[in-house]
Amino acid sequence: MHQPAVILAYLAVLGVCIAASVTDLRTHRIPNKLTGLAMLTALAYWLVAGLVGGKGLVGEPGGFDGTLA
């Protein structure tokens, strides 16, 4: 994966962590919208990372090294 994409992914994770921390400190709860959005974003990132890396969605025939595996 290219370096700018990795930096962007780390910044996105940092942003979600900061938002979750601030919300948790104020209300003692982390909203489901925040965690759900983070999970969907992570799934999309890893699907794209696997496709760009050339492993495809399920990897080689008979193997479990693909993106969805």
PDB file of N, CA and C in Angstrom:
ATOM      1  N   MET A   1       0.843  -1.170   0.000  1.00  0.00           N
ATOM      2  CA  MET A   1       0.000   0.000   0.000  1.00  0.00           C
ATOM      3  C   MET A   1       0.892   1.237   0.000  1.00  0.00           C
ATOM      4  N   HIS A   2       0.411   2.291  -0.595  1.00  0.00           N
ATOM      5  CA  HIS A   2       1.201   3.506  -0.698  1.00  0.00           C
ATOM      6  C   HIS A   2       1.256   4.230   0.638  1.00  0.00           C
ATOM      7  N   GLN A   3       2.349   4.907   0.875  1.00  0.00           N
ATOM      8  CA  GLN A   3       2.569   5.609   2.141  1.00  0.00           C
ATOM      9  C   GLN A   3       1.484   6.638   2.460  1.00  0.00           C
ATOM     10  N   PRO A   4       1.035   7.490   1.517  1.00  0.00           N
ATOM     11  CA  PRO A   4      -0.015   8.459   1.864  1.00  0.00           C
ATOM     12  C   PRO A   4      -1.313   7.791   2.309  1.00  0.00           C
ATOM     13  N   ALA A   5      -1.654   6.657   1.734  1.00  0.00           N
ATOM     14  CA  ALA A   5      -2.871   5.950   2.128  1.00  0.00           C
ATOM     15  C   ALA A   5      -2.750   5.419   3.550  1.00  0.00           C
ATOM     16  N   VAL A   6      -1.582   4.952   3.917  1.00  0.00           N
ATOM     17  CA  VAL A   6      -1.365   4.451   5.278  1.00  0.00           C
ATOM     18  C   VAL A   6      -1.449   5.604   6.272  1.00  0.00           C
ATOM     19  N   ILE A   7      -0.851   6.732   5.947  1.00  0.00           N
ATOM     20  CA  ILE A   7      -0.917   7.903   6.826  1.00  0.00           C
ATOM     21  C   ILE A   7      -2.359   8.366   6.966  1.00  0.00           C
ATOM     22  N   LEU A   8      -3.104   8.383   5.880  1.00  0.00           N
ATOM     23  CA  LEU A   8      -4.515   8.774   5.925  1.00  0.00           C
ATOM     24  C   LEU A   8      -5.322   7.811   6.802  1.00  0.00           C
ATOM     25  N   ALA A   9      -5.039   6.524   6.709  1.00  0.00           N
ATOM     26  CA  ALA A   9      -5.737   5.537   7.543  1.00  0.00           C
ATOM     27  C   ALA A   9      -5.424   5.758   9.018  1.00  0.00           C
ATOM     28  N   TYR A  10      -4.163   6.016   9.342  1.00  0.00           N
ATOM     29  CA  TYR A  10      -3.797   6.277  10.735  1.00  0.00           C
ATOM     30  C   TYR A  10      -4.454   7.557  11.259  1.00  0.00           C
ATOM     31  N   LEU A  11      -4.553   8.575  10.425  1.00  0.00           N
ATOM     32  CA  LEU A  11      -5.215   9.815  10.839  1.00  0.00           C
ATOM     33  C   LEU A  11      -6.709   9.592  11.069  1.00  0.00           C
ATOM     34  N   ALA A  12      -7.319   8.756  10.233  1.00  0.00           N
ATOM     35  CA  ALA A  12      -8.739   8.448  10.419  1.00  0.00           C
ATOM     36  C   ALA A  12      -8.959   7.702  11.731  1.00  0.00           C
ATOM     37  N   VAL A  13      -8.094   6.748  12.035  1.00  0.00           N
ATOM     38  CA  VAL A  13      -8.198   6.009  13.302  1.00  0.00           C
ATOM     39  C   VAL A  13      -7.986   6.956  14.478  1.00  0.00           C
ATOM     40  N   LEU A  14      -7.023   7.846  14.361  1.00  0.00           N
ATOM     41  CA  LEU A  14      -6.769   8.814  15.415  1.00  0.00           C
ATOM     42  C   LEU A  14      -7.987   9.716  15.633  1.00  0.00           C
ATOM     43  N   GLY A  15      -8.613  10.146  14.564  1.00  0.00           N
ATOM     44  CA  GLY A  15      -9.807  10.982  14.666  1.00  0.00           C
ATOM     45  C   GLY A  15     -10.957  10.272  15.360  1.00  0.00           C
ATOM     46  N   VAL A  16     -11.167   9.007  15.010  1.00  0.00           N
ATOM     47  CA  VAL A  16     -12.229   8.230  15.652  1.00  0.00           C
ATOM     48  C   VAL A  16     -11.918   8.030  17.127  1.00  0.00           C
ATOM     49  N   CYS A  17     -10.671   7.757  17.446  1.00  0.00           N
ATOM     50  CA  CYS A  17     -10.286   7.559  18.856  1.00  0.00           C
ATOM     51  C   CYS A  17     -10.460   8.837  19.667  1.00  0.00           C
ATOM     52  N   ILE A  18     -10.106   9.969  19.089  1.00  0.00           N
ATOM     53  CA  ILE A  18     -10.280  11.234  19.794  1.00  0.00           C
ATOM     54  C   ILE A  18     -11.766  11.528  20.005  1.00  0.00           C
ATOM     55  N   ALA A  19     -12.574  11.319  18.963  1.00  0.00           N
ATOM     56  CA  ALA A  19     -14.012  11.561  19.090  1.00  0.00           C
ATOM     57  C   ALA A  19     -14.627  10.630  20.134  1.00  0.00           C
ATOM     58  N   ALA A  20     -14.221   9.364  20.134  1.00  0.00           N
ATOM     59  CA  ALA A  20     -14.742   8.418  21.123  1.00  0.00           C
ATOM     60  C   ALA A  20     -14.299   8.804  22.530  1.00  0.00           C
ATOM     61  N   SER A  21     -13.076   9.251  22.679  1.00  0.00           N
ATOM     62  CA  SER A  21     -12.567   9.641  23.999  1.00  0.00           C
ATOM     63  C   SER A  21     -13.303  10.853  24.553  1.00  0.00           C
ATOM     64  N   VAL A  22     -13.472  11.864  23.713  1.00  0.00           N
ATOM     65  CA  VAL A  22     -14.165  13.072  24.160  1.00  0.00           C
ATOM     66  C   VAL A  22     -15.608  12.748  24.537  1.00  0.00           C
ATOM     67  N   THR A  23     -16.288  11.962  23.697  1.00  0.00           N
ATOM     68  CA  THR A  23     -17.670  11.588  23.989  1.00  0.00           C
ATOM     69  C   THR A  23     -17.752  10.763  25.261  1.00  0.00           C
ATOM     70  N   ASP A  24     -16.824   9.847  25.433  1.00  0.00           N
ATOM     71  CA  ASP A  24     -16.831   8.994  26.616  1.00  0.00           C
ATOM     72  C   ASP A  24     -16.568   9.802  27.882  1.00  0.00           C
ATOM     73  N   LEU A  25     -15.664  10.761  27.828  1.00  0.00           N
ATOM     74  CA  LEU A  25     -15.378  11.587  28.999  1.00  0.00           C
ATOM     75  C   LEU A  25     -16.560  12.480  29.379  1.00  0.00           C
ATOM     76  N   ARG A  26     -17.299  12.936  28.374  1.00  0.00           N
ATOM     77  CA  ARG A  26     -18.437  13.819  28.650  1.00  0.00           C
ATOM     78  C   ARG A  26     -19.671  13.053  29.111  1.00  0.00           C
ATOM     79  N   THR A  27     -19.990  11.945  28.453  1.00  0.00           N
ATOM     80  CA  THR A  27     -21.272  11.278  28.690  1.00  0.00           C
ATOM     81  C   THR A  27     -21.134   9.869  29.266  1.00  0.00           C
ATOM     82  N   HIS A  28     -19.915   9.362  29.347  1.00  0.00           N
ATOM     83  CA  HIS A  28     -19.652   7.988  29.796  1.00  0.00           C
ATOM     84  C   HIS A  28     -20.298   6.952  28.876  1.00  0.00           C
ATOM     85  N   ARG A  29     -20.443   7.324  27.615  1.00  0.00           N
ATOM     86  CA  ARG A  29     -20.986   6.419  26.598  1.00  0.00           C
ATOM     87  C   ARG A  29     -20.294   6.706  25.269  1.00  0.00           C
ATOM     88  N   ILE A  30     -20.185   5.682  24.453  1.00  0.00           N
ATOM     89  CA  ILE A  30     -19.687   5.858  23.085  1.00  0.00           C
ATOM     90  C   ILE A  30     -20.837   5.465  22.162  1.00  0.00           C
ATOM     91  N   PRO A  31     -21.318   6.403  21.340  1.00  0.00           N
ATOM     92  CA  PRO A  31     -22.503   6.127  20.533  1.00  0.00           C
ATOM     93  C   PRO A  31     -22.273   5.028  19.499  1.00  0.00           C
ATOM     94  N   ASN A  32     -23.332   4.276  19.238  1.00  0.00           N
ATOM     95  CA  ASN A  32     -23.263   3.212  18.240  1.00  0.00           C
ATOM     96  C   ASN A  32     -22.992   3.755  16.844  1.00  0.00           C
ATOM     97  N   LYS A  33     -23.453   4.970  16.569  1.00  0.00           N
ATOM     98  CA  LYS A  33     -23.193   5.571  15.258  1.00  0.00           C
ATOM     99  C   LYS A  33     -21.697   5.724  15.018  1.00  0.00           C
ATOM    100  N   LEU A  34     -20.967   6.091  16.052  1.00  0.00           N
ATOM    101  CA  LEU A  34     -19.520   6.280  15.920  1.00  0.00           C
ATOM    102  C   LEU A  34     -18.811   4.949  15.708  1.00  0.00           C
ATOM    103  N   THR A  35     -19.157   3.954  16.501  1.00  0.00           N
ATOM    104  CA  THR A  35     -18.492   2.656  16.348  1.00  0.00           C
ATOM    105  C   THR A  35     -18.914   1.961  15.060  1.00  0.00           C
ATOM    106  N   GLY A  36     -20.177   2.103  14.676  1.00  0.00           N
ATOM    107  CA  GLY A  36     -20.640   1.497  13.423  1.00  0.00           C
ATOM    108  C   GLY A  36     -19.963   2.112  12.210  1.00  0.00           C
ATOM    109  N   LEU A  37     -19.836   3.425  12.220  1.00  0.00           N
ATOM    110  CA  LEU A  37     -19.153   4.110  11.120  1.00  0.00           C
ATOM    111  C   LEU A  37     -17.687   3.698  11.052  1.00  0.00           C
ATOM    112  N   ALA A  38     -17.058   3.553  12.218  1.00  0.00           N
ATOM    113  CA  ALA A  38     -15.657   3.123  12.241  1.00  0.00           C
ATOM    114  C   ALA A  38     -15.515   1.704  11.683  1.00  0.00           C
ATOM    115  N   MET A  39     -16.442   0.817  12.027  1.00  0.00           N
ATOM    116  CA  MET A  39     -16.367  -0.559  11.517  1.00  0.00           C
ATOM    117  C   MET A  39     -16.583  -0.613  10.008  1.00  0.00           C
ATOM    118  N   LEU A  40     -17.549   0.138   9.498  1.00  0.00           N
ATOM    119  CA  LEU A  40     -17.791   0.146   8.054  1.00  0.00           C
ATOM    120  C   LEU A  40     -16.620   0.748   7.296  1.00  0.00           C
ATOM    121  N   THR A  41     -16.038   1.797   7.842  1.00  0.00           N
ATOM    122  CA  THR A  41     -14.873   2.411   7.212  1.00  0.00           C
ATOM    123  C   THR A  41     -13.692   1.451   7.190  1.00  0.00           C
ATOM    124  N   ALA A  42     -13.486   0.726   8.290  1.00  0.00           N
ATOM    125  CA  ALA A  42     -12.387  -0.241   8.344  1.00  0.00           C
ATOM    126  C   ALA A  42     -12.608  -1.367   7.340  1.00  0.00           C
ATOM    127  N   LEU A  43     -13.841  -1.851   7.224  1.00  0.00           N
ATOM    128  CA  LEU A  43     -14.134  -2.914   6.261  1.00  0.00           C
ATOM    129  C   LEU A  43     -13.857  -2.442   4.836  1.00  0.00           C
ATOM    130  N   ALA A  44     -14.306  -1.227   4.519  1.00  0.00           N
ATOM    131  CA  ALA A  44     -14.055  -0.689   3.178  1.00  0.00           C
ATOM    132  C   ALA A  44     -12.565  -0.523   2.922  1.00  0.00           C
ATOM    133  N   TYR A  45     -11.829  -0.041   3.926  1.00  0.00           N
ATOM    134  CA  TYR A  45     -10.385   0.148   3.759  1.00  0.00           C
ATOM    135  C   TYR A  45      -9.695  -1.180   3.476  1.00  0.00           C
ATOM    136  N   TRP A  46     -10.007  -2.213   4.254  1.00  0.00           N
ATOM    137  CA  TRP A  46      -9.325  -3.487   4.072  1.00  0.00           C
ATOM    138  C   TRP A  46      -9.732  -4.191   2.787  1.00  0.00           C
ATOM    139  N   LEU A  47     -10.978  -3.982   2.331  1.00  0.00           N
ATOM    140  CA  LEU A  47     -11.363  -4.523   1.032  1.00  0.00           C
ATOM    141  C   LEU A  47     -10.545  -3.876  -0.078  1.00  0.00           C
ATOM    142  N   VAL A  48     -10.412  -2.559  -0.032  1.00  0.00           N
ATOM    143  CA  VAL A  48      -9.629  -1.849  -1.041  1.00  0.00           C
ATOM    144  C   VAL A  48      -8.160  -2.227  -0.931  1.00  0.00           C
ATOM    145  N   ALA A  49      -7.642  -2.320   0.287  1.00  0.00           N
ATOM    146  CA  ALA A  49      -6.227  -2.667   0.475  1.00  0.00           C
ATOM    147  C   ALA A  49      -5.936  -4.058  -0.087  1.00  0.00           C
ATOM    148  N   GLY A  50      -6.854  -4.990   0.107  1.00  0.00           N
ATOM    149  CA  GLY A  50      -6.653  -6.334  -0.420  1.00  0.00           C
ATOM    150  C   GLY A  50      -6.746  -6.382  -1.932  1.00  0.00           C
ATOM    151  N   LEU A  51      -7.655  -5.615  -2.499  1.00  0.00           N
ATOM    152  CA  LEU A  51      -7.796  -5.596  -3.952  1.00  0.00           C
ATOM    153  C   LEU A  51      -6.603  -4.922  -4.604  1.00  0.00           C
ATOM    154  N   VAL A  52      -6.106  -3.843  -3.992  1.00  0.00           N
ATOM    155  CA  VAL A  52      -4.935  -3.147  -4.532  1.00  0.00           C
ATOM    156  C   VAL A  52      -3.701  -4.032  -4.379  1.00  0.00           C
ATOM    157  N   GLY A  53      -3.634  -4.781  -3.272  1.00  0.00           N
ATOM    158  CA  GLY A  53      -2.492  -5.659  -3.035  1.00  0.00           C
ATOM    159  C   GLY A  53      -2.470  -6.872  -3.938  1.00  0.00           C
ATOM    160  N   GLY A  54      -3.566  -7.141  -4.645  1.00  0.00           N
ATOM    161  CA  GLY A  54      -3.587  -8.228  -5.605  1.00  0.00           C
ATOM    162  C   GLY A  54      -4.069  -9.555  -5.059  1.00  0.00           C
ATOM    163  N   LYS A  55      -4.564  -9.607  -3.829  1.00  0.00           N
ATOM    164  CA  LYS A  55      -5.014 -10.875  -3.279  1.00  0.00           C
ATOM    165  C   LYS A  55      -6.439 -11.210  -3.691  1.00  0.00           C
ATOM    166  N   GLY A  56      -7.214 -10.237  -4.118  1.00  0.00           N
ATOM    167  CA  GLY A  56      -8.587 -10.487  -4.507  1.00  0.00           C
ATOM    168  C   GLY A  56      -9.493 -10.639  -3.302  1.00  0.00           C
ATOM    169  N   LEU A  57     -10.742 -11.023  -3.548  1.00  0.00           N
ATOM    170  CA  LEU A  57     -11.707 -11.113  -2.462  1.00  0.00           C
ATOM    171  C   LEU A  57     -11.570 -12.393  -1.656  1.00  0.00           C
ATOM    172  N   VAL A  58     -11.228 -13.501  -2.286  1.00  0.00           N
ATOM    173  CA  VAL A  58     -11.137 -14.756  -1.546  1.00  0.00           C
ATOM    174  C   VAL A  58      -9.771 -15.420  -1.692  1.00  0.00           C
ATOM    175  N   GLY A  59      -8.829 -14.787  -2.294  1.00  0.00           N
ATOM    176  CA  GLY A  59      -7.487 -15.346  -2.412  1.00  0.00           C
ATOM    177  C   GLY A  59      -7.379 -16.380  -3.505  1.00  0.00           C
ATOM    178  N   GLU A  60      -6.389 -17.222  -3.393  1.00  0.00           N
ATOM    179  CA  GLU A  60      -6.171 -18.264  -4.376  1.00  0.00           C
ATOM    180  C   GLU A  60      -7.197 -19.376  -4.185  1.00  0.00           C
ATOM    181  N   PRO A  61      -7.474 -20.151  -5.223  1.00  0.00           N
ATOM    182  CA  PRO A  61      -8.427 -21.245  -5.076  1.00  0.00           C
ATOM    183  C   PRO A  61      -7.981 -22.200  -3.971  1.00  0.00           C
ATOM    184  N   GLY A  62      -8.893 -22.487  -3.065  1.00  0.00           N
ATOM    185  CA  GLY A  62      -8.573 -23.415  -1.970  1.00  0.00           C
ATOM    186  C   GLY A  62      -7.823 -22.775  -0.817  1.00  0.00           C
ATOM    187  N   GLY A  63      -7.514 -21.482  -0.911  1.00  0.00           N
ATOM    188  CA  GLY A  63      -6.764 -20.822   0.153  1.00  0.00           C
ATOM    189  C   GLY A  63      -7.635 -19.866   0.933  1.00  0.00           C
ATOM    190  N   PHE A  64      -7.127 -19.428   2.071  1.00  0.00           N
ATOM    191  CA  PHE A  64      -7.857 -18.491   2.904  1.00  0.00           C
ATOM    192  C   PHE A  64      -7.056 -17.218   3.129  1.00  0.00           C
ATOM    193  N   ASP A  65      -6.326 -16.758   2.127  1.00  0.00           N
ATOM    194  CA  ASP A  65      -5.492 -15.578   2.304  1.00  0.00           C
ATOM    195  C   ASP A  65      -6.070 -14.358   1.595  1.00  0.00           C
ATOM    196  N   GLY A  66      -7.327 -14.401   1.211  1.00  0.00           N
ATOM    197  CA  GLY A  66      -7.925 -13.268   0.522  1.00  0.00           C
ATOM    198  C   GLY A  66      -8.404 -12.206   1.487  1.00  0.00           C
ATOM    199  N   THR A  67      -8.971 -11.144   0.943  1.00  0.00           N
ATOM    200  CA  THR A  67      -9.428 -10.034   1.751  1.00  0.00           C
ATOM    201  C   THR A  67     -10.557 -10.437   2.693  1.00  0.00           C
ATOM    202  N   LEU A  68     -11.552 -11.149   2.186  1.00  0.00           N
ATOM    203  CA  LEU A  68     -12.687 -11.526   3.021  1.00  0.00           C
ATOM    204  C   LEU A  68     -12.347 -12.647   3.985  1.00  0.00           C
ATOM    205  N   ALA A  69     -11.348 -13.437   3.681  1.00  0.00           N
ATOM    206  CA  ALA A  69     -10.960 -14.525   4.584  1.00  0.00           C
ATOM    207  C   ALA A  69     -10.257 -13.946   5.773  1.00  0.00           C
TER     208      ALA A  69
END
